[in-house]
Each structure stands twice: as structure tokens, then as C-alpha cells.
Amino acid sequence: MHGVPDTHDLWDDVLAHLSSGAASGAIAPDLPGFGCPVPDGFTATKEEYLAWLIGRVEEAVDSTGGPVDLVGHDWGTLLTQRLAVERPDLVRTLASGAAALEPTYEWHEFAKAWQRPETGIEMVPTSDARMAECILSLYRSAVDVYAEWTGDIESLTARSLVVWGADDPFVGRAFGERFAERTKADLLMLEGCGHWWPRERPAEVAAALEAHWNAAS
């Protein structure tokens, strides 16, 4: 699951490095409004995105007959981590990074700007007006997400992997380390890597994901 301001193609290079068996079962959807339409009545809050993702994962579980391996980046991480807490029955493994449901985190400056009611879509780094509107709505619904969604994160039961760019300018390495410790997750710290590790280190990420999935078999 991609984050902001990305679409499913964030994962193209990672998918290209997976073995054919692993890649054949992979699904990389777009969040509503991110390069695709939004459902009728959808207002792009964090709760609506979580409900939408739960629905997509339920469909995948129904089609495969078992829980799934979730992978998230950035906002995709916050959503998959929350899903794994609320619906552990749907999740076999979780791999996530570039964000964490860590209560000590304070939103970065771009997020704070998008949360201000006077900020317009011209301040969002995308040429897609619908995506920009969704980003503003999402961030404005999430001012207190690190208080609202973190209290029970230690109840996470899925086998977990945290993937982190050591030089991430938005979420420093300490947050990845702390989250991995709190959830008893394995940690892949990518030295010399920034925020967009699926694009910066796709071969390493793909290898780590396959090892993570195989260890849970």
C-alpha cells in the first residue's frame, strides 16, 4: 500500500525484483483519489481510507482462503499498521516503514501546513487536483492520529518487519527503531537511504520481503 503523494507505481521496482511466485500473488492498489476515482460520498478521511482498505483485504482473503501479507509505505504504513491491530484475522505478516504509529512522533512541517484550513491545493506537490484535495482532507482528519491510533499498537500479533531509510528527512531512524522494539518486529535499517526506500533500494527490499514471508510459512 503506497502513501502520499504516490500511487501504486511506487512498488513497480520492488515487484520487478520479487521471484515470479511471489510477484504473481501481489496486489498494489491505488488509494481512492490517488490516480483513480473516489467512491460516491467518500470524503477522504483516515477512517474512510482504513475502512476502504479493510474491504480490499477482506476481498483478497475471500479469494485466497487465508490471511494476507501486508506491505505499507508512508500513509500506507499507518493504514496497514492500524488494520493489523483492528483486524488481526486478516493479516499473516506485516511489513511497513517510512511512518509508524509511534505516539512520540510530531507531524513534519509539510503535514502541518496541509492541516491548516487556509491551505489550498496549490500547496500540495501534485498536478492532480483530485489527489491534492484528498491529501488535504486526509491530513486534516489526522491531526491527532498519533494519539488516536497508537494506544494499543503493542497488541499487534502479526509477524512484522520494519523497513526504514536511515536518512529519512521526515521520520528519523529513531522512530523506526522504537516502533520495531515496541512491536517486537524485525528491523531492516537501510543506511544511506531516504524516505522512498521502495524506489531507492528495491532489490534489498524485495529480498527482505521474501525472507520475511518465507519465515512465516
Protein backbone atom coordinates (compact mmCIF):
# COMPACT_ATOMS: atom_id res chain seq x y z
CA MET A 1 0.00 0.00 0.00
CA HIS A 2 1.51 3.30 -1.15
CA GLY A 3 1.45 6.59 0.70
CA VAL A 4 1.35 10.33 -0.06
CA PRO A 5 1.70 11.67 -2.72
CA ASP A 6 2.27 8.38 -4.56
CA THR A 7 0.27 5.77 -6.45
CA HIS A 8 0.63 2.02 -7.00
CA ASP A 9 3.65 2.53 -9.26
CA LEU A 10 5.75 3.20 -6.14
CA TRP A 11 6.06 -0.59 -5.96
CA ASP A 12 7.00 -1.30 -9.59
CA ASP A 13 10.71 -1.79 -8.96
CA VAL A 14 10.15 -3.92 -5.85
CA LEU A 15 7.71 -6.14 -7.75
CA ALA A 16 10.24 -6.50 -10.56
CA HIS A 17 12.79 -7.89 -8.09
CA LEU A 18 10.46 -10.45 -6.48
CA SER A 19 10.59 -14.05 -7.58
CA SER A 20 7.89 -14.97 -10.09
CA GLY A 21 5.92 -16.89 -7.47
CA ALA A 22 5.84 -14.02 -5.01
CA ALA A 23 5.12 -11.39 -7.65
CA SER A 24 2.24 -13.36 -9.16
CA GLY A 25 0.18 -13.02 -5.99
CA ALA A 26 0.95 -9.36 -5.33
CA ILE A 27 -1.73 -6.67 -5.46
CA ALA A 28 -0.77 -2.98 -5.38
CA PRO A 29 -3.98 -0.92 -5.36
CA ASP A 30 -4.34 2.84 -5.52
CA LEU A 31 -5.87 4.66 -2.59
CA PRO A 32 -9.15 6.29 -3.68
CA GLY A 33 -8.40 9.62 -5.33
CA PHE A 34 -4.75 8.77 -5.98
CA GLY A 35 -4.74 8.35 -9.74
CA CYS A 36 -8.23 6.87 -9.64
CA PRO A 37 -11.80 7.99 -8.84
CA VAL A 38 -13.24 8.17 -5.33
CA PRO A 39 -16.43 6.30 -4.37
CA ASP A 40 -19.64 8.29 -4.12
CA GLY A 41 -19.80 10.15 -0.83
CA PHE A 42 -16.16 9.46 0.01
CA THR A 43 -14.61 12.41 1.86
CA ALA A 44 -11.03 11.07 2.18
CA THR A 45 -10.68 10.90 5.95
CA LYS A 46 -8.31 8.49 7.63
CA GLU A 47 -11.27 6.47 8.90
CA GLU A 48 -12.70 6.14 5.39
CA TYR A 49 -9.35 5.08 3.96
CA LEU A 50 -8.98 2.49 6.71
CA ALA A 51 -12.48 1.12 6.06
CA TRP A 52 -11.75 1.02 2.32
CA LEU A 53 -8.51 -0.88 2.90
CA ILE A 54 -10.18 -3.36 5.23
CA GLY A 55 -12.71 -4.03 2.47
CA ARG A 56 -9.97 -4.65 -0.08
CA VAL A 57 -8.13 -7.01 2.24
CA GLU A 58 -11.34 -8.87 3.04
CA GLU A 59 -11.80 -9.40 -0.70
CA ALA A 60 -8.25 -10.74 -1.00
CA VAL A 61 -8.77 -13.09 1.95
CA ASP A 62 -12.00 -14.36 0.42
CA SER A 63 -10.28 -15.05 -2.90
CA THR A 64 -7.21 -16.78 -1.43
CA GLY A 65 -8.78 -18.54 1.53
CA GLY A 66 -6.33 -17.22 4.09
CA PRO A 67 -4.83 -14.11 5.70
CA VAL A 68 -2.58 -11.89 3.60
CA ASP A 69 0.89 -10.39 3.76
CA LEU A 70 0.53 -6.61 4.05
CA VAL A 71 3.21 -4.15 2.95
CA GLY A 72 2.93 -0.40 3.56
CA HIS A 73 4.91 2.77 2.94
CA ASP A 74 4.26 6.24 4.42
CA TRP A 75 0.46 6.63 4.82
CA GLY A 76 0.14 3.06 3.57
CA THR A 77 2.12 2.12 6.66
CA LEU A 78 -0.19 3.94 9.08
CA LEU A 79 -3.20 2.29 7.46
CA THR A 80 -1.77 -1.22 7.34
CA GLN A 81 -0.47 -1.00 10.90
CA ARG A 82 -3.89 0.11 12.13
CA LEU A 83 -5.62 -2.59 10.10
CA ALA A 84 -3.32 -5.24 11.57
CA VAL A 85 -4.33 -4.16 15.08
CA GLU A 86 -8.07 -3.91 14.40
CA ARG A 87 -8.39 -6.98 12.16
CA PRO A 88 -5.61 -9.44 13.03
CA ASP A 89 -7.69 -12.22 11.46
CA LEU A 90 -6.95 -10.76 8.02
CA VAL A 91 -3.16 -10.46 8.36
CA ARG A 92 -0.49 -13.16 8.14
CA THR A 93 2.51 -10.81 8.10
CA LEU A 94 3.10 -7.08 8.10
CA ALA A 95 6.00 -5.14 6.59
CA SER A 96 6.00 -1.36 6.85
CA GLY A 97 8.10 1.75 7.09
CA ALA A 98 8.61 5.47 6.36
CA ALA A 99 5.96 6.10 9.03
CA ALA A 100 4.96 4.44 12.28
CA LEU A 101 2.14 4.63 14.80
CA GLU A 102 4.55 5.96 17.38
CA PRO A 103 2.99 8.30 19.98
CA THR A 104 6.11 10.44 20.37
CA TYR A 105 6.12 11.46 16.69
CA GLU A 106 5.18 15.04 15.74
CA TRP A 107 3.96 15.76 12.21
CA HIS A 108 6.56 17.13 9.80
CA GLU A 109 6.28 20.70 8.52
CA PHE A 110 4.60 19.81 5.21
CA ALA A 111 1.89 17.90 7.07
CA LYS A 112 1.34 20.80 9.47
CA ALA A 113 0.93 23.16 6.50
CA TRP A 114 -1.62 20.86 4.83
CA GLN A 115 -3.59 20.64 8.06
CA ARG A 116 -4.16 24.39 8.15
CA PRO A 117 -7.66 25.27 6.86
CA GLU A 118 -6.35 28.16 4.76
CA THR A 119 -4.00 25.94 2.73
CA GLY A 120 -5.17 25.39 -0.85
CA ILE A 121 -4.49 22.55 -3.27
CA GLU A 122 -1.79 24.63 -4.97
CA MET A 123 0.39 23.94 -1.92
CA VAL A 124 0.29 20.17 -2.41
CA PRO A 125 3.08 18.64 -4.57
CA THR A 126 0.95 17.06 -7.28
CA SER A 127 -0.56 18.22 -10.54
CA ASP A 128 -3.67 16.12 -9.86
CA ALA A 129 -6.30 18.34 -8.23
CA ARG A 130 -8.37 15.39 -7.00
CA MET A 131 -5.33 13.85 -5.32
CA ALA A 132 -4.43 17.20 -3.76
CA GLU A 133 -7.93 17.55 -2.32
CA CYS A 134 -7.74 14.03 -0.90
CA ILE A 135 -4.35 14.70 0.65
CA LEU A 136 -5.61 17.84 2.38
CA SER A 137 -8.69 16.03 3.68
CA LEU A 138 -6.65 13.06 4.87
CA TYR A 139 -4.14 15.15 6.77
CA ARG A 140 -6.82 17.37 8.29
CA SER A 141 -8.58 14.27 9.61
CA ALA A 142 -5.31 13.05 11.10
CA VAL A 143 -4.12 15.92 13.29
CA ASP A 144 -4.39 13.62 16.32
CA VAL A 145 -3.77 10.26 14.67
CA TYR A 146 -0.70 9.60 16.80
CA ALA A 147 -2.88 9.85 19.90
CA GLU A 148 -5.93 8.10 18.45
CA TRP A 149 -4.32 5.10 16.73
CA THR A 150 -1.27 4.27 18.86
CA GLY A 151 -2.53 3.29 22.29
CA ASP A 152 -2.96 -0.41 21.54
CA ILE A 153 -0.17 -0.89 18.98
CA GLU A 154 1.63 -3.37 21.28
CA SER A 155 -1.29 -5.75 20.71
CA LEU A 156 -0.07 -6.28 17.14
CA THR A 157 0.19 -10.05 16.67
CA ALA A 158 1.23 -10.47 13.03
CA ARG A 159 4.85 -11.33 12.31
CA SER A 160 6.29 -7.90 11.49
CA LEU A 161 9.15 -6.33 9.60
CA VAL A 162 10.04 -2.63 9.82
CA VAL A 163 11.85 -1.23 6.76
CA TRP A 164 13.46 2.18 7.26
CA GLY A 165 15.62 4.63 5.39
CA ALA A 166 18.29 5.69 7.89
CA ASP A 167 18.39 9.19 6.34
CA ASP A 168 14.61 9.72 6.10
CA PRO A 169 14.16 13.51 6.45
CA PHE A 170 10.53 13.23 7.53
CA VAL A 171 10.68 10.40 10.08
CA GLY A 172 14.10 9.85 11.66
CA ARG A 173 15.62 6.44 12.24
CA ALA A 174 14.86 6.53 15.97
CA PHE A 175 11.15 6.22 15.25
CA GLY A 176 11.69 3.09 13.18
CA GLU A 177 13.91 1.60 15.85
CA ARG A 178 11.43 2.44 18.60
CA PHE A 179 8.47 1.04 16.70
CA ALA A 180 10.30 -2.20 15.92
CA GLU A 181 11.19 -2.57 19.60
CA ARG A 182 7.64 -1.87 20.79
CA THR A 183 6.09 -4.38 18.39
CA LYS A 184 8.89 -6.99 18.56
CA ALA A 185 9.39 -6.62 14.81
CA ASP A 186 12.47 -7.40 12.76
CA LEU A 187 14.20 -4.23 11.57
CA LEU A 188 15.84 -3.56 8.21
CA MET A 189 17.66 -0.22 8.54
CA LEU A 190 18.83 0.91 5.10
CA GLU A 191 21.92 3.06 5.59
CA GLY A 192 22.31 5.95 3.16
CA CYS A 193 18.66 5.66 2.14
CA GLY A 194 15.95 8.30 2.38
CA HIS A 195 12.18 8.23 2.62
CA TRP A 196 11.29 6.43 -0.61
CA TRP A 197 13.02 3.10 0.01
CA PRO A 198 10.82 1.17 -2.46
CA ARG A 199 12.41 3.23 -5.25
CA GLU A 200 15.86 3.72 -3.71
CA ARG A 201 16.57 0.13 -2.63
CA PRO A 202 14.11 -2.14 -4.46
CA ALA A 203 16.36 -5.21 -4.67
CA GLU A 204 17.17 -5.15 -0.94
CA VAL A 205 13.54 -4.56 -0.05
CA ALA A 206 12.31 -7.38 -2.28
CA ALA A 207 14.82 -9.82 -0.81
CA ALA A 208 13.87 -8.82 2.74
CA LEU A 209 10.16 -9.19 1.99
CA GLU A 210 10.57 -12.68 0.57
CA ALA A 211 12.68 -13.76 3.56
CA HIS A 212 10.05 -12.27 5.88
CA TRP A 213 7.21 -14.13 4.15
CA ASN A 214 9.13 -17.41 4.00
CA ALA A 215 9.95 -17.24 7.71
CA ALA A 216 6.24 -17.13 8.47
CA SER A 217 5.42 -20.19 6.37
